[in-house]
Amino acid sequence: MASEFPNWKNIGKTSLSSGLGKVRLVVSLAIGLIMLIMLLNTFKIVPAGHRAVVFNNLTGGLSGRGEGLTLLLPFTQSATIYDVRTQTYTMSKMTNEGQVRGDDSVQSLTSDGQQVDVDVSILYHPDPNKIVELHRLIGPDYEAKIVRPAGRSVTRTSVSKYAVIDVYGAKRMEIQNEVANELRSLFEKNNLILDSLLVRNVDFSSEFKSAIEQKQVAQQEAERKKYELEKERIEKERKIIAAEGDAESIRLRGEALSRNPALIQYEYVQKITPGIQTIITDGRSILSLGDLVKSAPIKTKQ
């Protein structure tokens, strides 16, 4: 009869052993997960063209690391990655062209009070040799803190020194160089390097555009009139030269006739029949025009 009842003592031991096994499994999984996290936090890959700034949570110290695999102390050190390749920050009137959506051009006033909208592209990169100072003084958001405000401020200041016609015309490159030089100095102080600056486009008010169009039309009309006057002058000179040539021809002809009056008869006959040399006057006599010219007396000037 006793064998028909379960052994509660053995059952209790089995349940306890099973519970302990589950606890050990959970603990093992937790330890494995912690070790995995520690392992992932221990190694950091710094990509090409980047630098890492390592911060020590215990001492508060900063250090720079180069490209490649770098070792970090778990829960003690953390790394911030910086891209030190050339970056472009564009402020444009075009909606989807710059970092800011919508009209982000630099609105400036010229020295004569005209508003112009300037599109600017700034090409720059963080100084790899001063990346720790950049992290300590400014941080990863240097674009919002330095690049954008400095670019807009320097552009406005430079444009305000020039008249609108200079911004439109020959001095645009001078303005671009002035903005670049000033911005380069500001970037240097903030551990950034300016590669180049481009004034890509300048948009003017509708009134100024209309005035420029009217001026261009007036210039084209003036050029057309100048061309016509020059053409008339050349034609006049041509006629004067032709008239002087005719007068000289008449003078020489008069001198030739005065020396040889028989030429009149010769020319008369030539007009009747060009190329004729001999004429039979009455059927019995023959008149040689060449002999007539040669036999005519020649008068000379005294």
C-alpha atoms as a PDB file:
ATOM      1  CA  MET A   1       0.000   0.000   0.000  1.00  0.00           C
ATOM      2  CA  ALA A   2       2.825   2.367   0.812  1.00  0.00           C
ATOM      3  CA  SER A   3       4.292   2.075  -2.686  1.00  0.00           C
ATOM      4  CA  GLU A   4       1.127   3.465  -4.220  1.00  0.00           C
ATOM      5  CA  PHE A   5       1.712   6.953  -2.740  1.00  0.00           C
ATOM      6  CA  PRO A   6       4.272   9.454  -4.351  1.00  0.00           C
ATOM      7  CA  ASN A   7       7.532  10.162  -2.599  1.00  0.00           C
ATOM      8  CA  TRP A   8       7.017  13.796  -1.697  1.00  0.00           C
ATOM      9  CA  LYS A   9      10.527  14.066  -0.419  1.00  0.00           C
ATOM     10  CA  ASN A  10      12.049  13.200  -3.805  1.00  0.00           C
ATOM     11  CA  ILE A  11       9.623  15.454  -5.643  1.00  0.00           C
ATOM     12  CA  GLY A  12      10.672  18.423  -3.506  1.00  0.00           C
ATOM     13  CA  LYS A  13      14.308  17.776  -4.201  1.00  0.00           C
ATOM     14  CA  THR A  14      13.690  17.611  -7.968  1.00  0.00           C
ATOM     15  CA  SER A  15      11.735  20.908  -8.018  1.00  0.00           C
ATOM     16  CA  LEU A  16      14.412  22.678  -6.035  1.00  0.00           C
ATOM     17  CA  SER A  17      17.124  21.411  -8.361  1.00  0.00           C
ATOM     18  CA  SER A  18      15.149  22.583 -11.423  1.00  0.00           C
ATOM     19  CA  GLY A  19      14.630  26.064  -9.932  1.00  0.00           C
ATOM     20  CA  LEU A  20      18.312  26.439  -9.147  1.00  0.00           C
ATOM     21  CA  GLY A  21      19.161  25.457 -12.732  1.00  0.00           C
ATOM     22  CA  LYS A  22      16.941  28.208 -14.110  1.00  0.00           C
ATOM     23  CA  VAL A  23      18.519  30.787 -11.802  1.00  0.00           C
ATOM     24  CA  ARG A  24      21.987  29.744 -12.871  1.00  0.00           C
ATOM     25  CA  LEU A  25      20.943  30.095 -16.542  1.00  0.00           C
ATOM     26  CA  VAL A  26      19.567  33.599 -16.020  1.00  0.00           C
ATOM     27  CA  VAL A  27      22.682  34.653 -14.119  1.00  0.00           C
ATOM     28  CA  SER A  28      24.915  33.228 -16.844  1.00  0.00           C
ATOM     29  CA  LEU A  29      22.998  35.061 -19.542  1.00  0.00           C
ATOM     30  CA  ALA A  30      23.190  38.309 -17.576  1.00  0.00           C
ATOM     31  CA  ILE A  31      26.929  37.938 -17.054  1.00  0.00           C
ATOM     32  CA  GLY A  32      27.409  37.132 -20.746  1.00  0.00           C
ATOM     33  CA  LEU A  33      25.403  40.198 -21.767  1.00  0.00           C
ATOM     34  CA  ILE A  34      27.414  42.415 -19.435  1.00  0.00           C
ATOM     35  CA  MET A  35      30.660  41.040 -20.786  1.00  0.00           C
ATOM     36  CA  LEU A  36      29.446  41.608 -24.356  1.00  0.00           C
ATOM     37  CA  ILE A  37      28.548  45.220 -23.560  1.00  0.00           C
ATOM     38  CA  MET A  38      31.921  45.703 -21.910  1.00  0.00           C
ATOM     39  CA  LEU A  39      33.636  44.205 -24.910  1.00  0.00           C
ATOM     40  CA  LEU A  40      31.766  46.473 -27.328  1.00  0.00           C
ATOM     41  CA  ASN A  41      32.598  49.504 -25.197  1.00  0.00           C
ATOM     42  CA  THR A  42      36.220  48.484 -24.917  1.00  0.00           C
ATOM     43  CA  PHE A  43      37.010  48.720 -28.629  1.00  0.00           C
ATOM     44  CA  LYS A  44      36.192  51.703 -30.866  1.00  0.00           C
ATOM     45  CA  ILE A  45      36.929  51.949 -34.589  1.00  0.00           C
ATOM     46  CA  VAL A  46      37.883  55.435 -35.825  1.00  0.00           C
ATOM     47  CA  PRO A  47      37.130  55.594 -39.598  1.00  0.00           C
ATOM     48  CA  ALA A  48      39.469  57.113 -42.172  1.00  0.00           C
ATOM     49  CA  GLY A  49      39.323  60.909 -42.247  1.00  0.00           C
ATOM     50  CA  HIS A  50      38.123  61.057 -38.623  1.00  0.00           C
ATOM     51  CA  ARG A  51      39.537  61.672 -35.163  1.00  0.00           C
ATOM     52  CA  ALA A  52      38.344  60.516 -31.739  1.00  0.00           C
ATOM     53  CA  VAL A  53      38.339  62.534 -28.535  1.00  0.00           C
ATOM     54  CA  VAL A  54      38.383  60.248 -25.482  1.00  0.00           C
ATOM     55  CA  PHE A  55      36.890  61.514 -22.200  1.00  0.00           C
ATOM     56  CA  ASN A  56      37.817  59.921 -18.852  1.00  0.00           C
ATOM     57  CA  ASN A  57      34.736  59.849 -16.633  1.00  0.00           C
ATOM     58  CA  LEU A  58      36.826  59.577 -13.468  1.00  0.00           C
ATOM     59  CA  THR A  59      39.527  62.191 -14.024  1.00  0.00           C
ATOM     60  CA  GLY A  60      37.723  64.454 -16.534  1.00  0.00           C
ATOM     61  CA  GLY A  61      40.739  64.348 -18.852  1.00  0.00           C
ATOM     62  CA  LEU A  62      40.610  64.485 -22.656  1.00  0.00           C
ATOM     63  CA  SER A  63      42.875  62.796 -25.186  1.00  0.00           C
ATOM     64  CA  GLY A  64      42.908  62.491 -28.967  1.00  0.00           C
ATOM     65  CA  ARG A  65      43.039  59.274 -30.947  1.00  0.00           C
ATOM     66  CA  GLY A  66      43.819  58.742 -34.638  1.00  0.00           C
ATOM     67  CA  GLU A  67      42.322  56.466 -37.284  1.00  0.00           C
ATOM     68  CA  GLY A  68      41.951  52.742 -36.655  1.00  0.00           C
ATOM     69  CA  LEU A  69      41.058  50.537 -33.693  1.00  0.00           C
ATOM     70  CA  THR A  70      41.366  52.213 -30.280  1.00  0.00           C
ATOM     71  CA  LEU A  71      41.027  50.679 -26.785  1.00  0.00           C
ATOM     72  CA  LEU A  72      38.762  52.208 -24.137  1.00  0.00           C
ATOM     73  CA  LEU A  73      38.396  51.369 -20.445  1.00  0.00           C
ATOM     74  CA  PRO A  74      34.850  50.045 -19.892  1.00  0.00           C
ATOM     75  CA  PHE A  75      32.538  52.386 -17.976  1.00  0.00           C
ATOM     76  CA  THR A  76      35.497  54.757 -17.540  1.00  0.00           C
ATOM     77  CA  GLN A  77      36.215  56.191 -20.954  1.00  0.00           C
ATOM     78  CA  SER A  78      33.910  57.335 -23.771  1.00  0.00           C
ATOM     79  CA  ALA A  79      34.804  58.533 -27.279  1.00  0.00           C
ATOM     80  CA  THR A  80      33.360  61.254 -29.538  1.00  0.00           C
ATOM     81  CA  ILE A  81      34.104  60.910 -33.258  1.00  0.00           C
ATOM     82  CA  TYR A  82      34.874  63.992 -35.393  1.00  0.00           C
ATOM     83  CA  ASP A  83      34.903  64.124 -39.197  1.00  0.00           C
ATOM     84  CA  VAL A  84      38.034  66.097 -40.204  1.00  0.00           C
ATOM     85  CA  ARG A  85      37.440  65.874 -43.970  1.00  0.00           C
ATOM     86  CA  THR A  86      36.351  68.883 -46.034  1.00  0.00           C
ATOM     87  CA  GLN A  87      32.725  69.805 -45.357  1.00  0.00           C
ATOM     88  CA  THR A  88      30.472  72.240 -47.220  1.00  0.00           C
ATOM     89  CA  TYR A  89      27.990  74.566 -45.584  1.00  0.00           C
ATOM     90  CA  THR A  90      25.702  76.304 -48.094  1.00  0.00           C
ATOM     91  CA  MET A  91      23.358  79.222 -47.502  1.00  0.00           C
ATOM     92  CA  SER A  92      21.173  79.590 -50.580  1.00  0.00           C
ATOM     93  CA  LYS A  93      17.973  81.161 -51.822  1.00  0.00           C
ATOM     94  CA  MET A  94      17.062  77.837 -53.447  1.00  0.00           C
ATOM     95  CA  THR A  95      14.669  75.838 -51.265  1.00  0.00           C
ATOM     96  CA  ASN A  96      16.462  72.474 -51.178  1.00  0.00           C
ATOM     97  CA  GLU A  97      20.053  73.505 -51.801  1.00  0.00           C
ATOM     98  CA  GLY A  98      21.457  74.323 -48.369  1.00  0.00           C
ATOM     99  CA  GLN A  99      21.379  72.777 -44.911  1.00  0.00           C
ATOM    100  CA  VAL A 100      18.368  74.933 -43.982  1.00  0.00           C
ATOM    101  CA  ARG A 101      15.191  74.388 -46.000  1.00  0.00           C
ATOM    102  CA  GLY A 102      13.678  77.474 -47.617  1.00  0.00           C
ATOM    103  CA  ASP A 103      15.322  80.804 -48.435  1.00  0.00           C
ATOM    104  CA  ASP A 104      18.545  80.794 -46.419  1.00  0.00           C
ATOM    105  CA  SER A 105      20.509  83.350 -48.460  1.00  0.00           C
ATOM    106  CA  VAL A 106      22.437  86.068 -46.615  1.00  0.00           C
ATOM    107  CA  GLN A 107      20.326  89.233 -46.831  1.00  0.00           C
ATOM    108  CA  SER A 108      22.594  92.276 -46.784  1.00  0.00           C
ATOM    109  CA  LEU A 109      22.402  96.028 -47.341  1.00  0.00           C
ATOM    110  CA  THR A 110      24.913  97.751 -49.615  1.00  0.00           C
ATOM    111  CA  SER A 111      26.558 101.078 -48.780  1.00  0.00           C
ATOM    112  CA  ASP A 112      23.857 102.895 -50.784  1.00  0.00           C
ATOM    113  CA  GLY A 113      20.993 101.137 -49.005  1.00  0.00           C
ATOM    114  CA  GLN A 114      20.086  98.493 -51.580  1.00  0.00           C
ATOM    115  CA  GLN A 115      19.156  95.003 -50.349  1.00  0.00           C
ATOM    116  CA  VAL A 116      20.919  92.048 -51.947  1.00  0.00           C
ATOM    117  CA  ASP A 117      20.515  88.328 -51.260  1.00  0.00           C
ATOM    118  CA  VAL A 118      23.858  86.515 -51.370  1.00  0.00           C
ATOM    119  CA  ASP A 119      24.260  82.748 -51.857  1.00  0.00           C
ATOM    120  CA  VAL A 120      27.413  81.511 -50.089  1.00  0.00           C
ATOM    121  CA  SER A 121      29.128  78.115 -49.842  1.00  0.00           C
ATOM    122  CA  ILE A 122      31.763  77.637 -47.117  1.00  0.00           C
ATOM    123  CA  LEU A 123      34.229  74.749 -47.545  1.00  0.00           C
ATOM    124  CA  TYR A 124      36.078  73.935 -44.301  1.00  0.00           C
ATOM    125  CA  HIS A 125      37.231  71.182 -41.955  1.00  0.00           C
ATOM    126  CA  PRO A 126      38.128  70.852 -38.263  1.00  0.00           C
ATOM    127  CA  ASP A 127      41.849  71.130 -37.566  1.00  0.00           C
ATOM    128  CA  PRO A 128      42.976  67.514 -36.901  1.00  0.00           C
ATOM    129  CA  ASN A 129      45.818  68.749 -34.682  1.00  0.00           C
ATOM    130  CA  LYS A 130      43.478  70.782 -32.473  1.00  0.00           C
ATOM    131  CA  ILE A 131      40.541  68.422 -32.254  1.00  0.00           C
ATOM    132  CA  VAL A 132      40.788  68.133 -28.448  1.00  0.00           C
ATOM    133  CA  GLU A 133      40.618  71.929 -28.059  1.00  0.00           C
ATOM    134  CA  LEU A 134      37.660  72.047 -30.448  1.00  0.00           C
ATOM    135  CA  HIS A 135      35.850  69.450 -28.315  1.00  0.00           C
ATOM    136  CA  ARG A 136      36.690  71.236 -25.037  1.00  0.00           C
ATOM    137  CA  LEU A 137      35.726  74.773 -26.168  1.00  0.00           C
ATOM    138  CA  ILE A 138      32.952  74.245 -28.722  1.00  0.00           C
ATOM    139  CA  GLY A 139      31.920  70.601 -29.082  1.00  0.00           C
ATOM    140  CA  PRO A 140      30.478  68.622 -31.981  1.00  0.00           C
ATOM    141  CA  ASP A 141      27.908  71.300 -32.936  1.00  0.00           C
ATOM    142  CA  TYR A 142      30.594  73.707 -34.245  1.00  0.00           C
ATOM    143  CA  GLU A 143      28.602  74.152 -37.457  1.00  0.00           C
ATOM    144  CA  ALA A 144      25.699  75.818 -35.645  1.00  0.00           C
ATOM    145  CA  LYS A 145      27.909  77.688 -33.166  1.00  0.00           C
ATOM    146  CA  ILE A 146      30.691  78.961 -35.466  1.00  0.00           C
ATOM    147  CA  VAL A 147      30.344  78.222 -39.198  1.00  0.00           C
ATOM    148  CA  ARG A 148      26.832  79.518 -39.843  1.00  0.00           C
ATOM    149  CA  PRO A 149      26.800  82.681 -37.668  1.00  0.00           C
ATOM    150  CA  ALA A 150      30.347  83.692 -38.647  1.00  0.00           C
ATOM    151  CA  GLY A 151      29.648  83.163 -42.344  1.00  0.00           C
ATOM    152  CA  ARG A 152      26.491  85.279 -42.291  1.00  0.00           C
ATOM    153  CA  SER A 153      27.981  88.043 -40.171  1.00  0.00           C
ATOM    154  CA  VAL A 154      31.187  88.449 -42.196  1.00  0.00           C
ATOM    155  CA  THR A 155      29.284  88.399 -45.505  1.00  0.00           C
ATOM    156  CA  ARG A 156      26.904  91.152 -44.364  1.00  0.00           C
ATOM    157  CA  THR A 157      29.768  93.305 -43.078  1.00  0.00           C
ATOM    158  CA  SER A 158      31.774  93.009 -46.301  1.00  0.00           C
ATOM    159  CA  VAL A 159      28.814  93.674 -48.616  1.00  0.00           C
ATOM    160  CA  SER A 160      27.878  96.796 -46.621  1.00  0.00           C
ATOM    161  CA  LYS A 161      31.170  98.437 -47.667  1.00  0.00           C
ATOM    162  CA  TYR A 162      30.302  98.429 -51.375  1.00  0.00           C
ATOM    163  CA  ALA A 163      27.717 100.147 -53.567  1.00  0.00           C
ATOM    164  CA  VAL A 164      25.157  97.941 -55.272  1.00  0.00           C
ATOM    165  CA  ILE A 165      26.663  98.546 -58.721  1.00  0.00           C
ATOM    166  CA  ASP A 166      30.023  97.253 -57.420  1.00  0.00           C
ATOM    167  CA  VAL A 167      28.398  94.122 -55.999  1.00  0.00           C
ATOM    168  CA  TYR A 168      26.729  93.621 -59.381  1.00  0.00           C
ATOM    169  CA  GLY A 169      29.856  94.311 -61.386  1.00  0.00           C
ATOM    170  CA  ALA A 170      33.617  94.063 -61.236  1.00  0.00           C
ATOM    171  CA  LYS A 171      34.139  94.011 -57.450  1.00  0.00           C
ATOM    172  CA  ARG A 172      32.269  90.798 -56.679  1.00  0.00           C
ATOM    173  CA  MET A 173      35.511  88.811 -56.644  1.00  0.00           C
ATOM    174  CA  GLU A 174      37.068  91.421 -54.353  1.00  0.00           C
ATOM    175  CA  ILE A 175      34.142  90.971 -51.950  1.00  0.00           C
ATOM    176  CA  GLN A 176      34.531  87.183 -52.063  1.00  0.00           C
ATOM    177  CA  ASN A 177      38.231  87.432 -51.217  1.00  0.00           C
ATOM    178  CA  GLU A 178      37.545  89.862 -48.374  1.00  0.00           C
ATOM    179  CA  VAL A 179      34.920  87.554 -46.835  1.00  0.00           C
ATOM    180  CA  ALA A 180      37.254  84.558 -47.186  1.00  0.00           C
ATOM    181  CA  ASN A 181      40.191  86.315 -45.505  1.00  0.00           C
ATOM    182  CA  GLU A 182      38.095  87.519 -42.569  1.00  0.00           C
ATOM    183  CA  LEU A 183      36.401  84.142 -42.137  1.00  0.00           C
ATOM    184  CA  ARG A 184      39.730  82.294 -42.297  1.00  0.00           C
ATOM    185  CA  SER A 185      40.988  84.349 -39.349  1.00  0.00           C
ATOM    186  CA  LEU A 186      37.840  83.670 -37.309  1.00  0.00           C
ATOM    187  CA  PHE A 187      37.940  79.951 -38.044  1.00  0.00           C
ATOM    188  CA  GLU A 188      41.581  79.727 -37.012  1.00  0.00           C
ATOM    189  CA  LYS A 189      40.727  81.096 -33.582  1.00  0.00           C
ATOM    190  CA  ASN A 190      38.094  78.388 -33.195  1.00  0.00           C
ATOM    191  CA  ASN A 191      40.231  75.421 -34.334  1.00  0.00           C
ATOM    192  CA  LEU A 192      38.668  75.234 -37.804  1.00  0.00           C
ATOM    193  CA  ILE A 193      40.379  75.569 -41.195  1.00  0.00           C
ATOM    194  CA  LEU A 194      38.731  77.372 -44.123  1.00  0.00           C
ATOM    195  CA  ASP A 195      39.448  75.646 -47.443  1.00  0.00           C
ATOM    196  CA  SER A 196      37.613  78.091 -49.687  1.00  0.00           C
ATOM    197  CA  LEU A 197      34.591  80.361 -49.892  1.00  0.00           C
ATOM    198  CA  LEU A 198      32.325  80.825 -52.895  1.00  0.00           C
ATOM    199  CA  VAL A 199      29.924  83.710 -53.507  1.00  0.00           C
ATOM    200  CA  ARG A 200      27.720  81.644 -55.807  1.00  0.00           C
ATOM    201  CA  ASN A 201      24.977  84.106 -56.666  1.00  0.00           C
ATOM    202  CA  VAL A 202      23.743  87.601 -55.821  1.00  0.00           C
ATOM    203  CA  ASP A 203      20.059  88.444 -56.225  1.00  0.00           C
ATOM    204  CA  PHE A 204      19.000  92.093 -56.469  1.00  0.00           C
ATOM    205  CA  SER A 205      15.757  93.964 -55.910  1.00  0.00           C
ATOM    206  CA  SER A 206      13.262  94.187 -58.780  1.00  0.00           C
ATOM    207  CA  GLU A 207      13.826  97.975 -58.990  1.00  0.00           C
ATOM    208  CA  PHE A 208      17.566  97.526 -59.470  1.00  0.00           C
ATOM    209  CA  LYS A 209      17.056  94.798 -62.057  1.00  0.00           C
ATOM    210  CA  SER A 210      14.726  97.091 -64.006  1.00  0.00           C
ATOM    211  CA  ALA A 211      17.254  99.948 -63.851  1.00  0.00           C
ATOM    212  CA  ILE A 212      20.028  97.637 -65.097  1.00  0.00           C
ATOM    213  CA  GLU A 213      17.865  96.447 -67.999  1.00  0.00           C
ATOM    214  CA  GLN A 214      17.063 100.038 -68.983  1.00  0.00           C
ATOM    215  CA  LYS A 215      20.730 100.943 -68.812  1.00  0.00           C
ATOM    216  CA  GLN A 216      21.671  98.010 -71.004  1.00  0.00           C
ATOM    217  CA  VAL A 217      19.034  98.996 -73.572  1.00  0.00           C
ATOM    218  CA  ALA A 218      20.341 102.578 -73.561  1.00  0.00           C
ATOM    219  CA  GLN A 219      23.924 101.354 -73.994  1.00  0.00           C
ATOM    220  CA  GLN A 220      22.922  99.144 -76.910  1.00  0.00           C
ATOM    221  CA  GLU A 221      21.113 102.087 -78.558  1.00  0.00           C
ATOM    222  CA  ALA A 222      24.140 104.312 -78.037  1.00  0.00           C
ATOM    223  CA  GLU A 223      26.401 101.673 -79.576  1.00  0.00           C
ATOM    224  CA  ARG A 224      24.061 101.388 -82.558  1.00  0.00           C
ATOM    225  CA  LYS A 225      24.107 105.157 -83.132  1.00  0.00           C
ATOM    226  CA  LYS A 226      27.863 105.231 -82.736  1.00  0.00           C
ATOM    227  CA  TYR A 227      28.154 102.534 -85.391  1.00  0.00           C
ATOM    228  CA  GLU A 228      25.892 104.447 -87.775  1.00  0.00           C
ATOM    229  CA  LEU A 229      27.876 107.673 -87.276  1.00  0.00           C
ATOM    230  CA  GLU A 230      31.125 105.835 -87.907  1.00  0.00           C
ATOM    231  CA  LYS A 231      29.661 104.294 -91.042  1.00  0.00           C
ATOM    232  CA  GLU A 232      28.560 107.718 -92.311  1.00  0.00           C
ATOM    233  CA  ARG A 233      31.992 109.182 -91.580  1.00  0.00           C
ATOM    234  CA  ILE A 234      33.718 106.450 -93.548  1.00  0.00           C
ATOM    235  CA  GLU A 235      31.303 106.911 -96.472  1.00  0.00           C
ATOM    236  CA  LYS A 236      31.923 110.649 -96.438  1.00  0.00           C
ATOM    237  CA  GLU A 237      35.681 110.146 -96.496  1.00  0.00           C
ATOM    238  CA  ARG A 238      35.271 107.687 -99.368  1.00  0.00           C
ATOM    239  CA  LYS A 239      33.305 110.224-101.402  1.00  0.00           C
ATOM    240  CA  ILE A 240      35.880 112.948-100.699  1.00  0.00           C
ATOM    241  CA  ILE A 241      38.702 110.680-101.845  1.00  0.00           C
ATOM    242  CA  ALA A 242      36.725 109.713-104.956  1.00  0.00           C
ATOM    243  CA  ALA A 243      36.019 113.378-105.760  1.00  0.00           C
ATOM    244  CA  GLU A 244      39.661 114.308-105.276  1.00  0.00           C
ATOM    245  CA  GLY A 245      40.590 111.451-107.591  1.00  0.00           C
ATOM    246  CA  ASP A 246      38.144 112.676-110.252  1.00  0.00           C
ATOM    247  CA  ALA A 247      39.494 116.220-109.961  1.00  0.00           C
ATOM    248  CA  GLU A 248      43.065 115.016-110.325  1.00  0.00           C
ATOM    249  CA  SER A 249      42.035 112.933-113.346  1.00  0.00           C
ATOM    250  CA  ILE A 250      40.416 115.979-114.991  1.00  0.00           C
ATOM    251  CA  ARG A 251      43.514 118.096-114.298  1.00  0.00           C
ATOM    252  CA  LEU A 252      45.844 115.547-115.875  1.00  0.00           C
ATOM    253  CA  ARG A 253      43.505 115.158-118.849  1.00  0.00           C
ATOM    254  CA  GLY A 254      43.472 118.910-119.391  1.00  0.00           C
ATOM    255  CA  GLU A 255      47.265 119.027-119.321  1.00  0.00           C
ATOM    256  CA  ALA A 256      47.453 116.170-121.848  1.00  0.00           C
ATOM    257  CA  LEU A 257      45.026 117.883-124.229  1.00  0.00           C
ATOM    258  CA  SER A 258      46.862 121.155-123.965  1.00  0.00           C
ATOM    259  CA  ARG A 259      50.061 119.386-125.010  1.00  0.00           C
ATOM    260  CA  ASN A 260      48.408 117.368-127.801  1.00  0.00           C
ATOM    261  CA  PRO A 261      45.069 118.737-129.157  1.00  0.00           C
ATOM    262  CA  ALA A 262      44.858 115.875-131.697  1.00  0.00           C
ATOM    263  CA  LEU A 263      43.914 113.602-128.825  1.00  0.00           C
ATOM    264  CA  ILE A 264      40.400 115.009-128.998  1.00  0.00           C
ATOM    265  CA  GLN A 265      39.952 113.653-132.523  1.00  0.00           C
ATOM    266  CA  TYR A 266      41.472 110.321-131.491  1.00  0.00           C
ATOM    267  CA  GLU A 267      39.169 109.938-128.491  1.00  0.00           C
ATOM    268  CA  TYR A 268      36.159 110.934-130.598  1.00  0.00           C
ATOM    269  CA  VAL A 269      36.895 108.183-133.099  1.00  0.00           C
ATOM    270  CA  GLN A 270      37.591 105.676-130.301  1.00  0.00           C
ATOM    271  CA  LYS A 271      34.151 106.341-128.862  1.00  0.00           C
ATOM    272  CA  ILE A 272      32.586 105.708-132.279  1.00  0.00           C
ATOM    273  CA  THR A 273      34.473 102.425-132.888  1.00  0.00           C
ATOM    274  CA  PRO A 274      36.792 101.306-130.070  1.00  0.00           C
ATOM    275  CA  GLY A 275      40.176  99.928-131.200  1.00  0.00           C
ATOM    276  CA  ILE A 276      40.147 101.443-134.727  1.00  0.00           C
ATOM    277  CA  GLN A 277      43.532 102.668-136.005  1.00  0.00           C
ATOM    278  CA  THR A 278      42.839 103.783-139.640  1.00  0.00           C
ATOM    279  CA  ILE A 279      39.957 105.648-141.351  1.00  0.00           C
ATOM    280  CA  ILE A 280      39.279 106.072-145.129  1.00  0.00           C
ATOM    281  CA  THR A 281      37.927 109.577-145.285  1.00  0.00           C
ATOM    282  CA  ASP A 282      36.761 110.020-148.929  1.00  0.00           C
ATOM    283  CA  GLY A 283      37.446 106.672-150.513  1.00  0.00           C
ATOM    284  CA  ARG A 284      40.845 107.779-151.782  1.00  0.00           C
ATOM    285  CA  SER A 285      42.761 108.901-148.716  1.00  0.00           C
ATOM    286  CA  ILE A 286      43.627 106.899-145.673  1.00  0.00           C
ATOM    287  CA  LEU A 287      43.917 108.588-142.283  1.00  0.00           C
ATOM    288  CA  SER A 288      46.091 106.890-139.691  1.00  0.00           C
ATOM    289  CA  LEU A 289      45.043 107.962-136.186  1.00  0.00           C
ATOM    290  CA  GLY A 290      48.355 106.887-134.714  1.00  0.00           C
ATOM    291  CA  ASP A 291      50.197 109.088-137.204  1.00  0.00           C
ATOM    292  CA  LEU A 292      47.765 111.901-136.486  1.00  0.00           C
ATOM    293  CA  VAL A 293      48.575 111.783-132.790  1.00  0.00           C
ATOM    294  CA  LYS A 294      52.317 111.509-133.384  1.00  0.00           C
ATOM    295  CA  SER A 295      52.405 114.333-135.947  1.00  0.00           C
ATOM    296  CA  ALA A 296      50.534 116.767-133.731  1.00  0.00           C
ATOM    297  CA  PRO A 297      52.737 119.467-132.275  1.00  0.00           C
ATOM    298  CA  ILE A 298      53.517 119.068-128.602  1.00  0.00           C
ATOM    299  CA  LYS A 299      53.551 122.155-126.489  1.00  0.00           C
ATOM    300  CA  THR A 300      55.780 122.312-123.499  1.00  0.00           C
ATOM    301  CA  LYS A 301      55.570 124.545-120.500  1.00  0.00           C
ATOM    302  CA  GLN A 302      57.915 127.502-120.474  1.00  0.00           C
END
